[in-house]
Structure formats: structure tokens, C-alpha cells
Amino acid sequence: MKFSFVSLLTLATAAAAAPSAVEGRAVTLIDLWADRDFLGLKFTGSADVGQCKNLPSNFNDLVTSGKARSGYRCTVWVDKDCKGTGFSFVSNPKIDSWIDNKASSWKCVKV
């Protein structure tokens, strides 16, 4: 009986510590381009849904057009860590001129 109880306790502890198959899995959520009409240098961003990500240094302040994956709304911010003013879009927007070449971070959520 002692062996069975210890084995059961060990299995229960391991199962509780294991991450869910759905949680913590990065998903490709956003595509951003340096030029209008989805042309030029392209950045494809993957993250957990709702996670803020800073743009890599080679793409900071370079975004001119972008697309969110179907079923998501993405926001790009003028400052790192998703701070400052943001611009949100769902699918194929024209990035507003006030944020053109100023985005430093992004985050996407389900719509």
C-alpha cells in the first residue's frame, strides 16, 4: 500500500507541474513590412496570445504596413514594452501616418 500511495503522489505531482498543451505555446500572429503595400523587409512575429514583444533592433521604427492573423487584433506601440500611443488593426490596414516608421513593440489578442 505504501508503494502505491507514493507512486500515486509522484504521478499527481508530475501532472500538476506539467504545462498545459495549450498554454505557453508561441503562435505566429503578425506580419509587418518596412514599405507600403506589404513590400520590402518583412518581420513575422510569434508570441503567446496577449504577450507584449519588442521589435528587433533591425525593425525598430521601420513599420509601414502590417497584417494580423485571422481572428486576432494586433496593436503596435511607439515605445518599447507596449507603452505610449498604440495603433490597432485586424487584417490588412494601412498604417496611419502618425505611427509610420515609429513602432517599437507589438501585442496581439483574440477578437
PDB file of N, CA and C in Angstrom:
ATOM      1  N   MET A   1       0.824  -1.196   0.000  1.00  0.00           N
ATOM      2  CA  MET A   1       0.000   0.000   0.000  1.00  0.00           C
ATOM      3  C   MET A   1       0.864   1.255   0.000  1.00  0.00           C
ATOM      4  N   LYS A   2       1.966   1.221   0.752  1.00  0.00           N
ATOM      5  CA  LYS A   2       2.846   2.381   0.812  1.00  0.00           C
ATOM      6  C   LYS A   2       3.407   2.692  -0.577  1.00  0.00           C
ATOM      7  N   PHE A   3       3.819   1.672  -1.314  1.00  0.00           N
ATOM      8  CA  PHE A   3       4.361   1.874  -2.653  1.00  0.00           C
ATOM      9  C   PHE A   3       3.315   2.503  -3.569  1.00  0.00           C
ATOM     10  N   SER A   4       2.098   2.044  -3.497  1.00  0.00           N
ATOM     11  CA  SER A   4       1.031   2.571  -4.345  1.00  0.00           C
ATOM     12  C   SER A   4       0.741   4.026  -4.025  1.00  0.00           C
ATOM     13  N   PHE A   5       0.731   4.386  -2.757  1.00  0.00           N
ATOM     14  CA  PHE A   5       0.459   5.758  -2.358  1.00  0.00           C
ATOM     15  C   PHE A   5       1.579   6.687  -2.824  1.00  0.00           C
ATOM     16  N   VAL A   6       2.830   6.276  -2.647  1.00  0.00           N
ATOM     17  CA  VAL A   6       3.972   7.086  -3.067  1.00  0.00           C
ATOM     18  C   VAL A   6       3.974   7.242  -4.584  1.00  0.00           C
ATOM     19  N   SER A   7       3.693   6.167  -5.312  1.00  0.00           N
ATOM     20  CA  SER A   7       3.641   6.240  -6.774  1.00  0.00           C
ATOM     21  C   SER A   7       2.539   7.179  -7.237  1.00  0.00           C
ATOM     22  N   LEU A   8       1.374   7.078  -6.598  1.00  0.00           N
ATOM     23  CA  LEU A   8       0.256   7.936  -6.950  1.00  0.00           C
ATOM     24  C   LEU A   8       0.582   9.395  -6.662  1.00  0.00           C
ATOM     25  N   LEU A   9       1.206   9.673  -5.532  1.00  0.00           N
ATOM     26  CA  LEU A   9       1.587  11.031  -5.161  1.00  0.00           C
ATOM     27  C   LEU A   9       2.603  11.595  -6.154  1.00  0.00           C
ATOM     28  N   THR A  10       3.565  10.780  -6.565  1.00  0.00           N
ATOM     29  CA  THR A  10       4.572  11.215  -7.533  1.00  0.00           C
ATOM     30  C   THR A  10       3.931  11.545  -8.872  1.00  0.00           C
ATOM     31  N   LEU A  11       3.036  10.699  -9.342  1.00  0.00           N
ATOM     32  CA  LEU A  11       2.358  10.948 -10.611  1.00  0.00           C
ATOM     33  C   LEU A  11       1.487  12.199 -10.548  1.00  0.00           C
ATOM     34  N   ALA A  12       0.796  12.396  -9.448  1.00  0.00           N
ATOM     35  CA  ALA A  12      -0.059  13.571  -9.297  1.00  0.00           C
ATOM     36  C   ALA A  12       0.771  14.846  -9.294  1.00  0.00           C
ATOM     37  N   THR A  13       1.917  14.826  -8.628  1.00  0.00           N
ATOM     38  CA  THR A  13       2.794  15.992  -8.587  1.00  0.00           C
ATOM     39  C   THR A  13       3.346  16.301  -9.971  1.00  0.00           C
ATOM     40  N   ALA A  14       3.763  15.289 -10.698  1.00  0.00           N
ATOM     41  CA  ALA A  14       4.301  15.485 -12.045  1.00  0.00           C
ATOM     42  C   ALA A  14       3.234  16.027 -12.987  1.00  0.00           C
ATOM     43  N   ALA A  15       2.022  15.535 -12.877  1.00  0.00           N
ATOM     44  CA  ALA A  15       0.939  16.001 -13.745  1.00  0.00           C
ATOM     45  C   ALA A  15       0.587  17.451 -13.449  1.00  0.00           C
ATOM     46  N   ALA A  16       0.600  17.841 -12.185  1.00  0.00           N
ATOM     47  CA  ALA A  16       0.282  19.213 -11.813  1.00  0.00           C
ATOM     48  C   ALA A  16       1.358  20.178 -12.290  1.00  0.00           C
ATOM     49  N   ALA A  17       2.599  19.739 -12.343  1.00  0.00           N
ATOM     50  CA  ALA A  17       3.702  20.606 -12.742  1.00  0.00           C
ATOM     51  C   ALA A  17       3.841  20.721 -14.251  1.00  0.00           C
ATOM     52  N   ALA A  18       3.289  19.788 -14.994  1.00  0.00           N
ATOM     53  CA  ALA A  18       3.428  19.808 -16.456  1.00  0.00           C
ATOM     54  C   ALA A  18       2.590  20.935 -17.044  1.00  0.00           C
ATOM     55  N   PRO A  19       3.151  21.720 -17.979  1.00  0.00           N
ATOM     56  CA  PRO A  19       2.373  22.800 -18.586  1.00  0.00           C
ATOM     57  C   PRO A  19       1.282  22.251 -19.491  1.00  0.00           C
ATOM     58  N   SER A  20       0.214  22.989 -19.572  1.00  0.00           N
ATOM     59  CA  SER A  20      -0.878  22.615 -20.464  1.00  0.00           C
ATOM     60  C   SER A  20      -0.389  22.659 -21.900  1.00  0.00           C
ATOM     61  N   ALA A  21      -0.922  21.798 -22.736  1.00  0.00           N
ATOM     62  CA  ALA A  21      -0.528  21.771 -24.145  1.00  0.00           C
ATOM     63  C   ALA A  21      -0.920  23.062 -24.849  1.00  0.00           C
ATOM     64  N   VAL A  22      -1.922  23.771 -24.324  1.00  0.00           N
ATOM     65  CA  VAL A  22      -2.395  24.994 -24.952  1.00  0.00           C
ATOM     66  C   VAL A  22      -1.639  26.215 -24.435  1.00  0.00           C
ATOM     67  N   GLU A  23      -1.276  26.221 -23.156  1.00  0.00           N
ATOM     68  CA  GLU A  23      -0.608  27.358 -22.559  1.00  0.00           C
ATOM     69  C   GLU A  23       0.842  27.449 -23.007  1.00  0.00           C
ATOM     70  N   GLY A  24       1.325  28.680 -23.120  1.00  0.00           N
ATOM     71  CA  GLY A  24       2.739  28.896 -23.339  1.00  0.00           C
ATOM     72  C   GLY A  24       3.266  28.484 -24.698  1.00  0.00           C
ATOM     73  N   ARG A  25       2.403  28.323 -25.653  1.00  0.00           N
ATOM     74  CA  ARG A  25       2.854  27.937 -26.989  1.00  0.00           C
ATOM     75  C   ARG A  25       2.834  29.176 -27.881  1.00  0.00           C
ATOM     76  N   ALA A  26       4.000  29.605 -28.343  1.00  0.00           N
ATOM     77  CA  ALA A  26       4.079  30.771 -29.211  1.00  0.00           C
ATOM     78  C   ALA A  26       3.373  30.487 -30.535  1.00  0.00           C
ATOM     79  N   VAL A  27       2.634  31.483 -30.995  1.00  0.00           N
ATOM     80  CA  VAL A  27       1.859  31.376 -32.222  1.00  0.00           C
ATOM     81  C   VAL A  27       2.287  32.512 -33.150  1.00  0.00           C
ATOM     82  N   THR A  28       2.395  32.243 -34.442  1.00  0.00           N
ATOM     83  CA  THR A  28       2.675  33.311 -35.401  1.00  0.00           C
ATOM     84  C   THR A  28       1.427  34.178 -35.501  1.00  0.00           C
ATOM     85  N   LEU A  29       1.558  35.465 -35.151  1.00  0.00           N
ATOM     86  CA  LEU A  29       0.397  36.339 -35.033  1.00  0.00           C
ATOM     87  C   LEU A  29       0.413  37.552 -35.950  1.00  0.00           C
ATOM     88  N   ILE A  30       1.589  38.014 -36.357  1.00  0.00           N
ATOM     89  CA  ILE A  30       1.664  39.301 -37.043  1.00  0.00           C
ATOM     90  C   ILE A  30       2.753  39.287 -38.109  1.00  0.00           C
ATOM     91  N   ASP A  31       2.476  39.983 -39.196  1.00  0.00           N
ATOM     92  CA  ASP A  31       3.476  40.243 -40.231  1.00  0.00           C
ATOM     93  C   ASP A  31       3.552  41.754 -40.404  1.00  0.00           C
ATOM     94  N   LEU A  32       4.760  42.283 -40.397  1.00  0.00           N
ATOM     95  CA  LEU A  32       4.979  43.717 -40.575  1.00  0.00           C
ATOM     96  C   LEU A  32       5.985  43.927 -41.695  1.00  0.00           C
ATOM     97  N   TRP A  33       5.789  45.004 -42.461  1.00  0.00           N
ATOM     98  CA  TRP A  33       6.694  45.310 -43.566  1.00  0.00           C
ATOM     99  C   TRP A  33       7.244  46.719 -43.420  1.00  0.00           C
ATOM    100  N   ALA A  34       8.424  46.931 -43.978  1.00  0.00           N
ATOM    101  CA  ALA A  34       9.073  48.237 -43.933  1.00  0.00           C
ATOM    102  C   ALA A  34       8.486  49.206 -44.956  1.00  0.00           C
ATOM    103  N   ASP A  35       7.851  48.682 -45.998  1.00  0.00           N
ATOM    104  CA  ASP A  35       7.320  49.541 -47.055  1.00  0.00           C
ATOM    105  C   ASP A  35       5.807  49.401 -47.177  1.00  0.00           C
ATOM    106  N   ARG A  36       5.202  50.355 -47.873  1.00  0.00           N
ATOM    107  CA  ARG A  36       3.755  50.321 -48.119  1.00  0.00           C
ATOM    108  C   ARG A  36       3.365  49.091 -48.921  1.00  0.00           C
ATOM    109  N   ASP A  37       2.103  48.744 -48.798  1.00  0.00           N
ATOM    110  CA  ASP A  37       1.517  47.661 -49.598  1.00  0.00           C
ATOM    111  C   ASP A  37       2.190  46.310 -49.377  1.00  0.00           C
ATOM    112  N   PHE A  38       2.700  46.094 -48.168  1.00  0.00           N
ATOM    113  CA  PHE A  38       3.279  44.803 -47.771  1.00  0.00           C
ATOM    114  C   PHE A  38       4.501  44.446 -48.612  1.00  0.00           C
ATOM    115  N   LEU A  39       5.357  45.418 -48.814  1.00  0.00           N
ATOM    116  CA  LEU A  39       6.577  45.233 -49.602  1.00  0.00           C
ATOM    117  C   LEU A  39       7.811  45.541 -48.756  1.00  0.00           C
ATOM    118  N   GLY A  40       8.949  45.131 -49.248  1.00  0.00           N
ATOM    119  CA  GLY A  40      10.210  45.416 -48.579  1.00  0.00           C
ATOM    120  C   GLY A  40      10.517  44.422 -47.477  1.00  0.00           C
ATOM    121  N   LEU A  41      11.400  44.823 -46.579  1.00  0.00           N
ATOM    122  CA  LEU A  41      11.819  43.985 -45.460  1.00  0.00           C
ATOM    123  C   LEU A  41      10.600  43.547 -44.663  1.00  0.00           C
ATOM    124  N   LYS A  42      10.524  42.251 -44.318  1.00  0.00           N
ATOM    125  CA  LYS A  42       9.365  41.695 -43.615  1.00  0.00           C
ATOM    126  C   LYS A  42       9.785  41.124 -42.265  1.00  0.00           C
ATOM    127  N   PHE A  43       8.948  41.378 -41.255  1.00  0.00           N
ATOM    128  CA  PHE A  43       9.106  40.803 -39.919  1.00  0.00           C
ATOM    129  C   PHE A  43       7.878  39.950 -39.636  1.00  0.00           C
ATOM    130  N   THR A  44       8.074  38.707 -39.220  1.00  0.00           N
ATOM    131  CA  THR A  44       6.986  37.836 -38.791  1.00  0.00           C
ATOM    132  C   THR A  44       7.155  37.603 -37.300  1.00  0.00           C
ATOM    133  N   GLY A  45       6.129  37.973 -36.523  1.00  0.00           N
ATOM    134  CA  GLY A  45       6.210  37.876 -35.074  1.00  0.00           C
ATOM    135  C   GLY A  45       5.413  36.726 -34.502  1.00  0.00           C
ATOM    136  N   SER A  46       6.048  35.986 -33.601  1.00  0.00           N
ATOM    137  CA  SER A  46       5.395  34.900 -32.865  1.00  0.00           C
ATOM    138  C   SER A  46       5.468  35.207 -31.382  1.00  0.00           C
ATOM    139  N   ALA A  47       4.385  34.905 -30.676  1.00  0.00           N
ATOM    140  CA  ALA A  47       4.329  35.138 -29.231  1.00  0.00           C
ATOM    141  C   ALA A  47       3.144  34.374 -28.669  1.00  0.00           C
ATOM    142  N   ASP A  48       3.072  34.314 -27.358  1.00  0.00           N
ATOM    143  CA  ASP A  48       1.861  33.840 -26.714  1.00  0.00           C
ATOM    144  C   ASP A  48       0.802  34.920 -26.930  1.00  0.00           C
ATOM    145  N   VAL A  49      -0.443  34.533 -27.097  1.00  0.00           N
ATOM    146  CA  VAL A  49      -1.523  35.494 -27.283  1.00  0.00           C
ATOM    147  C   VAL A  49      -1.554  36.433 -26.077  1.00  0.00           C
ATOM    148  N   GLY A  50      -1.578  37.735 -26.330  1.00  0.00           N
ATOM    149  CA  GLY A  50      -1.612  38.733 -25.269  1.00  0.00           C
ATOM    150  C   GLY A  50      -0.254  39.129 -24.721  1.00  0.00           C
ATOM    151  N   GLN A  51       0.811  38.541 -25.223  1.00  0.00           N
ATOM    152  CA  GLN A  51       2.161  38.848 -24.754  1.00  0.00           C
ATOM    153  C   GLN A  51       2.731  40.027 -25.535  1.00  0.00           C
ATOM    154  N   CYS A  52       3.274  41.003 -24.825  1.00  0.00           N
ATOM    155  CA  CYS A  52       3.925  42.144 -25.456  1.00  0.00           C
ATOM    156  C   CYS A  52       5.327  41.738 -25.904  1.00  0.00           C
ATOM    157  N   LYS A  53       5.686  42.133 -27.122  1.00  0.00           N
ATOM    158  CA  LYS A  53       7.020  41.845 -27.651  1.00  0.00           C
ATOM    159  C   LYS A  53       7.612  43.127 -28.230  1.00  0.00           C
ATOM    160  N   ASN A  54       8.884  43.356 -27.964  1.00  0.00           N
ATOM    161  CA  ASN A  54       9.581  44.474 -28.586  1.00  0.00           C
ATOM    162  C   ASN A  54      10.051  44.049 -29.971  1.00  0.00           C
ATOM    163  N   LEU A  55      10.030  44.977 -30.898  1.00  0.00           N
ATOM    164  CA  LEU A  55      10.535  44.688 -32.236  1.00  0.00           C
ATOM    165  C   LEU A  55      12.055  44.547 -32.179  1.00  0.00           C
ATOM    166  N   PRO A  56      12.625  43.696 -33.018  1.00  0.00           N
ATOM    167  CA  PRO A  56      14.083  43.571 -33.044  1.00  0.00           C
ATOM    168  C   PRO A  56      14.711  44.884 -33.523  1.00  0.00           C
ATOM    169  N   SER A  57      15.958  45.094 -33.158  1.00  0.00           N
ATOM    170  CA  SER A  57      16.618  46.363 -33.479  1.00  0.00           C
ATOM    171  C   SER A  57      16.614  46.674 -34.973  1.00  0.00           C
ATOM    172  N   ASN A  58      16.669  45.652 -35.817  1.00  0.00           N
ATOM    173  CA  ASN A  58      16.676  45.909 -37.259  1.00  0.00           C
ATOM    174  C   ASN A  58      15.291  46.245 -37.813  1.00  0.00           C
ATOM    175  N   PHE A  59      14.262  46.246 -36.945  1.00  0.00           N
ATOM    176  CA  PHE A  59      12.915  46.588 -37.391  1.00  0.00           C
ATOM    177  C   PHE A  59      12.294  47.700 -36.553  1.00  0.00           C
ATOM    178  N   ASN A  60      12.999  48.161 -35.532  1.00  0.00           N
ATOM    179  CA  ASN A  60      12.504  49.237 -34.678  1.00  0.00           C
ATOM    180  C   ASN A  60      12.348  50.515 -35.514  1.00  0.00           C
ATOM    181  N   ASP A  61      11.207  51.180 -35.372  1.00  0.00           N
ATOM    182  CA  ASP A  61      10.905  52.421 -36.096  1.00  0.00           C
ATOM    183  C   ASP A  61      10.949  52.244 -37.613  1.00  0.00           C
ATOM    184  N   LEU A  62      10.509  51.087 -38.100  1.00  0.00           N
ATOM    185  CA  LEU A  62      10.574  50.802 -39.531  1.00  0.00           C
ATOM    186  C   LEU A  62       9.237  50.360 -40.127  1.00  0.00           C
ATOM    187  N   VAL A  63       8.216  50.124 -39.302  1.00  0.00           N
ATOM    188  CA  VAL A  63       6.948  49.546 -39.773  1.00  0.00           C
ATOM    189  C   VAL A  63       6.140  50.551 -40.599  1.00  0.00           C
ATOM    190  N   THR A  64       5.726  50.118 -41.800  1.00  0.00           N
ATOM    191  CA  THR A  64       4.875  50.940 -42.658  1.00  0.00           C
ATOM    192  C   THR A  64       3.575  50.231 -43.015  1.00  0.00           C
ATOM    193  N   SER A  65       3.567  48.903 -43.046  1.00  0.00           N
ATOM    194  CA  SER A  65       2.328  48.157 -43.290  1.00  0.00           C
ATOM    195  C   SER A  65       2.357  46.864 -42.491  1.00  0.00           C
ATOM    196  N   GLY A  66       1.161  46.306 -42.241  1.00  0.00           N
ATOM    197  CA  GLY A  66       1.108  45.094 -41.436  1.00  0.00           C
ATOM    198  C   GLY A  66      -0.192  44.340 -41.593  1.00  0.00           C
ATOM    199  N   LYS A  67      -0.153  43.076 -41.181  1.00  0.00           N
ATOM    200  CA  LYS A  67      -1.331  42.208 -41.198  1.00  0.00           C
ATOM    201  C   LYS A  67      -1.354  41.388 -39.916  1.00  0.00           C
ATOM    202  N   ALA A  68      -2.537  41.304 -39.310  1.00  0.00           N
ATOM    203  CA  ALA A  68      -2.744  40.406 -38.176  1.00  0.00           C
ATOM    204  C   ALA A  68      -3.283  39.085 -38.714  1.00  0.00           C
ATOM    205  N   ARG A  69      -2.969  37.995 -38.040  1.00  0.00           N
ATOM    206  CA  ARG A  69      -3.531  36.703 -38.429  1.00  0.00           C
ATOM    207  C   ARG A  69      -5.040  36.741 -38.239  1.00  0.00           C
ATOM    208  N   SER A  70      -5.748  35.984 -39.040  1.00  0.00           N
ATOM    209  CA  SER A  70      -7.201  35.910 -38.960  1.00  0.00           C
ATOM    210  C   SER A  70      -7.632  35.535 -37.543  1.00  0.00           C
ATOM    211  N   GLY A  71      -8.596  36.281 -36.998  1.00  0.00           N
ATOM    212  CA  GLY A  71      -9.101  36.008 -35.658  1.00  0.00           C
ATOM    213  C   GLY A  71      -8.378  36.761 -34.554  1.00  0.00           C
ATOM    214  N   TYR A  72      -7.420  37.622 -34.915  1.00  0.00           N
ATOM    215  CA  TYR A  72      -6.646  38.375 -33.928  1.00  0.00           C
ATOM    216  C   TYR A  72      -6.677  39.864 -34.236  1.00  0.00           C
ATOM    217  N   ARG A  73      -6.527  40.667 -33.197  1.00  0.00           N
ATOM    218  CA  ARG A  73      -6.342  42.109 -33.325  1.00  0.00           C
ATOM    219  C   ARG A  73      -4.957  42.419 -32.774  1.00  0.00           C
ATOM    220  N   CYS A  74      -4.150  43.080 -33.560  1.00  0.00           N
ATOM    221  CA  CYS A  74      -2.792  43.413 -33.136  1.00  0.00           C
ATOM    222  C   CYS A  74      -2.659  44.916 -32.950  1.00  0.00           C
ATOM    223  N   THR A  75      -1.803  45.299 -32.033  1.00  0.00           N
ATOM    224  CA  THR A  75      -1.506  46.701 -31.774  1.00  0.00           C
ATOM    225  C   THR A  75      -0.005  46.890 -31.835  1.00  0.00           C
ATOM    226  N   VAL A  76       0.433  47.949 -32.507  1.00  0.00           N
ATOM    227  CA  VAL A  76       1.841  48.349 -32.476  1.00  0.00           C
ATOM    228  C   VAL A  76       1.927  49.639 -31.670  1.00  0.00           C
ATOM    229  N   TRP A  77       2.978  49.752 -30.847  1.00  0.00           N
ATOM    230  CA  TRP A  77       3.170  50.914 -29.991  1.00  0.00           C
ATOM    231  C   TRP A  77       4.415  51.688 -30.397  1.00  0.00           C
ATOM    232  N   VAL A  78       4.402  52.985 -30.112  1.00  0.00           N
ATOM    233  CA  VAL A  78       5.554  53.823 -30.435  1.00  0.00           C
ATOM    234  C   VAL A  78       6.718  53.593 -29.480  1.00  0.00           C
ATOM    235  N   ASP A  79       6.455  53.062 -28.300  1.00  0.00           N
ATOM    236  CA  ASP A  79       7.517  52.815 -27.319  1.00  0.00           C
ATOM    237  C   ASP A  79       7.676  51.322 -27.077  1.00  0.00           C
ATOM    238  N   LYS A  80       8.839  50.931 -26.578  1.00  0.00           N
ATOM    239  CA  LYS A  80       9.061  49.528 -26.236  1.00  0.00           C
ATOM    240  C   LYS A  80       8.170  49.142 -25.064  1.00  0.00           C
ATOM    241  N   ASP A  81       8.016  47.851 -24.849  1.00  0.00           N
ATOM    242  CA  ASP A  81       7.203  47.285 -23.767  1.00  0.00           C
ATOM    243  C   ASP A  81       5.723  47.658 -23.871  1.00  0.00           C
ATOM    244  N   CYS A  82       5.249  47.896 -25.091  1.00  0.00           N
ATOM    245  CA  CYS A  82       3.835  48.215 -25.357  1.00  0.00           C
ATOM    246  C   CYS A  82       3.357  49.416 -24.554  1.00  0.00           C
ATOM    247  N   LYS A  83       4.172  50.448 -24.547  1.00  0.00           N
ATOM    248  CA  LYS A  83       3.837  51.685 -23.834  1.00  0.00           C
ATOM    249  C   LYS A  83       3.729  52.826 -24.829  1.00  0.00           C
ATOM    250  N   GLY A  84       3.114  53.902 -24.376  1.00  0.00           N
ATOM    251  CA  GLY A  84       2.922  55.053 -25.245  1.00  0.00           C
ATOM    252  C   GLY A  84       1.662  54.880 -26.068  1.00  0.00           C
ATOM    253  N   THR A  85       1.599  55.552 -27.177  1.00  0.00           N
ATOM    254  CA  THR A  85       0.439  55.505 -28.054  1.00  0.00           C
ATOM    255  C   THR A  85       0.504  54.276 -28.945  1.00  0.00           C
ATOM    256  N   GLY A  86      -0.648  53.634 -29.144  1.00  0.00           N
ATOM    257  CA  GLY A  86      -0.699  52.441 -29.976  1.00  0.00           C
ATOM    258  C   GLY A  86      -1.679  52.566 -31.120  1.00  0.00           C
ATOM    259  N   PHE A  87      -1.491  51.746 -32.127  1.00  0.00           N
ATOM    260  CA  PHE A  87      -2.373  51.677 -33.292  1.00  0.00           C
ATOM    261  C   PHE A  87      -2.786  50.226 -33.469  1.00  0.00           C
ATOM    262  N   SER A  88      -4.107  49.953 -33.435  1.00  0.00           N
ATOM    263  CA  SER A  88      -4.616  48.581 -33.538  1.00  0.00           C
ATOM    264  C   SER A  88      -5.179  48.305 -34.923  1.00  0.00           C
ATOM    265  N   PHE A  89      -5.040  47.056 -35.350  1.00  0.00           N
ATOM    266  CA  PHE A  89      -5.586  46.642 -36.639  1.00  0.00           C
ATOM    267  C   PHE A  89      -5.952  45.170 -36.593  1.00  0.00           C
ATOM    268  N   VAL A  90      -6.834  44.778 -37.522  1.00  0.00           N
ATOM    269  CA  VAL A  90      -7.318  43.406 -37.550  1.00  0.00           C
ATOM    270  C   VAL A  90      -6.710  42.619 -38.696  1.00  0.00           C
ATOM    271  N   SER A  91      -6.798  43.102 -39.917  1.00  0.00           N
ATOM    272  CA  SER A  91      -6.289  42.261 -41.006  1.00  0.00           C
ATOM    273  C   SER A  91      -5.304  42.995 -41.904  1.00  0.00           C
ATOM    274  N   ASN A  92      -5.766  43.810 -42.818  1.00  0.00           N
ATOM    275  CA  ASN A  92      -4.866  44.425 -43.797  1.00  0.00           C
ATOM    276  C   ASN A  92      -4.943  45.949 -43.748  1.00  0.00           C
ATOM    277  N   PRO A  93      -4.438  46.565 -42.714  1.00  0.00           N
ATOM    278  CA  PRO A  93      -4.603  48.012 -42.611  1.00  0.00           C
ATOM    279  C   PRO A  93      -3.503  48.785 -43.339  1.00  0.00           C
ATOM    280  N   LYS A  94      -3.813  50.012 -43.567  1.00  0.00           N
ATOM    281  CA  LYS A  94      -2.776  50.965 -43.933  1.00  0.00           C
ATOM    282  C   LYS A  94      -2.364  51.577 -42.597  1.00  0.00           C
ATOM    283  N   ILE A  95      -1.103  51.493 -42.269  1.00  0.00           N
ATOM    284  CA  ILE A  95      -0.634  52.066 -41.006  1.00  0.00           C
ATOM    285  C   ILE A  95      -0.802  53.581 -41.084  1.00  0.00           C
ATOM    286  N   ASP A  96      -1.453  54.164 -40.075  1.00  0.00           N
ATOM    287  CA  ASP A  96      -1.667  55.611 -40.062  1.00  0.00           C
ATOM    288  C   ASP A  96      -0.337  56.356 -40.105  1.00  0.00           C
ATOM    289  N   SER A  97      -0.355  57.516 -40.739  1.00  0.00           N
ATOM    290  CA  SER A  97       0.881  58.284 -40.933  1.00  0.00           C
ATOM    291  C   SER A  97       1.530  58.695 -39.609  1.00  0.00           C
ATOM    292  N   TRP A  98       0.734  58.895 -38.553  1.00  0.00           N
ATOM    293  CA  TRP A  98       1.321  59.339 -37.287  1.00  0.00           C
ATOM    294  C   TRP A  98       2.205  58.274 -36.647  1.00  0.00           C
ATOM    295  N   ILE A  99       2.021  57.007 -37.005  1.00  0.00           N
ATOM    296  CA  ILE A  99       2.844  55.948 -36.416  1.00  0.00           C
ATOM    297  C   ILE A  99       3.773  55.303 -37.453  1.00  0.00           C
ATOM    298  N   ASP A 100       3.666  55.729 -38.701  1.00  0.00           N
ATOM    299  CA  ASP A 100       4.521  55.196 -39.763  1.00  0.00           C
ATOM    300  C   ASP A 100       5.997  55.391 -39.390  1.00  0.00           C
ATOM    301  N   ASN A 101       6.745  54.307 -39.416  1.00  0.00           N
ATOM    302  CA  ASN A 101       8.174  54.308 -39.063  1.00  0.00           C
ATOM    303  C   ASN A 101       8.446  54.744 -37.620  1.00  0.00           C
ATOM    304  N   LYS A 102       7.496  54.438 -36.711  1.00  0.00           N
ATOM    305  CA  LYS A 102       7.690  54.789 -35.301  1.00  0.00           C
ATOM    306  C   LYS A 102       7.423  53.631 -34.344  1.00  0.00           C
ATOM    307  N   ALA A 103       6.970  52.483 -34.834  1.00  0.00           N
ATOM    308  CA  ALA A 103       6.592  51.367 -33.954  1.00  0.00           C
ATOM    309  C   ALA A 103       7.820  50.707 -33.335  1.00  0.00           C
ATOM    310  N   SER A 104       7.713  50.394 -32.034  1.00  0.00           N
ATOM    311  CA  SER A 104       8.807  49.749 -31.307  1.00  0.00           C
ATOM    312  C   SER A 104       8.402  48.448 -30.629  1.00  0.00           C
ATOM    313  N   SER A 105       7.092  48.198 -30.485  1.00  0.00           N
ATOM    314  CA  SER A 105       6.639  46.964 -29.837  1.00  0.00           C
ATOM    315  C   SER A 105       5.261  46.590 -30.379  1.00  0.00           C
ATOM    316  N   TRP A 106       4.829  45.362 -30.054  1.00  0.00           N
ATOM    317  CA  TRP A 106       3.553  44.866 -30.563  1.00  0.00           C
ATOM    318  C   TRP A 106       2.954  43.831 -29.621  1.00  0.00           C
ATOM    319  N   LYS A 107       1.633  43.649 -29.758  1.00  0.00           N
ATOM    320  CA  LYS A 107       0.910  42.623 -28.998  1.00  0.00           C
ATOM    321  C   LYS A 107      -0.364  42.289 -29.759  1.00  0.00           C
ATOM    322  N   CYS A 108      -0.754  41.017 -29.747  1.00  0.00           N
ATOM    323  CA  CYS A 108      -1.978  40.579 -30.425  1.00  0.00           C
ATOM    324  C   CYS A 108      -2.879  39.831 -29.446  1.00  0.00           C
ATOM    325  N   VAL A 109      -4.185  40.051 -29.582  1.00  0.00           N
ATOM    326  CA  VAL A 109      -5.185  39.372 -28.763  1.00  0.00           C
ATOM    327  C   VAL A 109      -6.254  38.787 -29.685  1.00  0.00           C
ATOM    328  N   LYS A 110      -6.990  37.802 -29.184  1.00  0.00           N
ATOM    329  CA  LYS A 110      -8.090  37.227 -29.966  1.00  0.00           C
ATOM    330  C   LYS A 110      -9.230  38.226 -30.038  1.00  0.00           C
ATOM    331  N   VAL A 111      -9.923  38.225 -31.191  1.00  0.00           N
ATOM    332  CA  VAL A 111     -11.089  39.114 -31.335  1.00  0.00           C
ATOM    333  C   VAL A 111     -12.359  38.337 -31.094  1.00  0.00           C
TER     334      VAL A 111
END
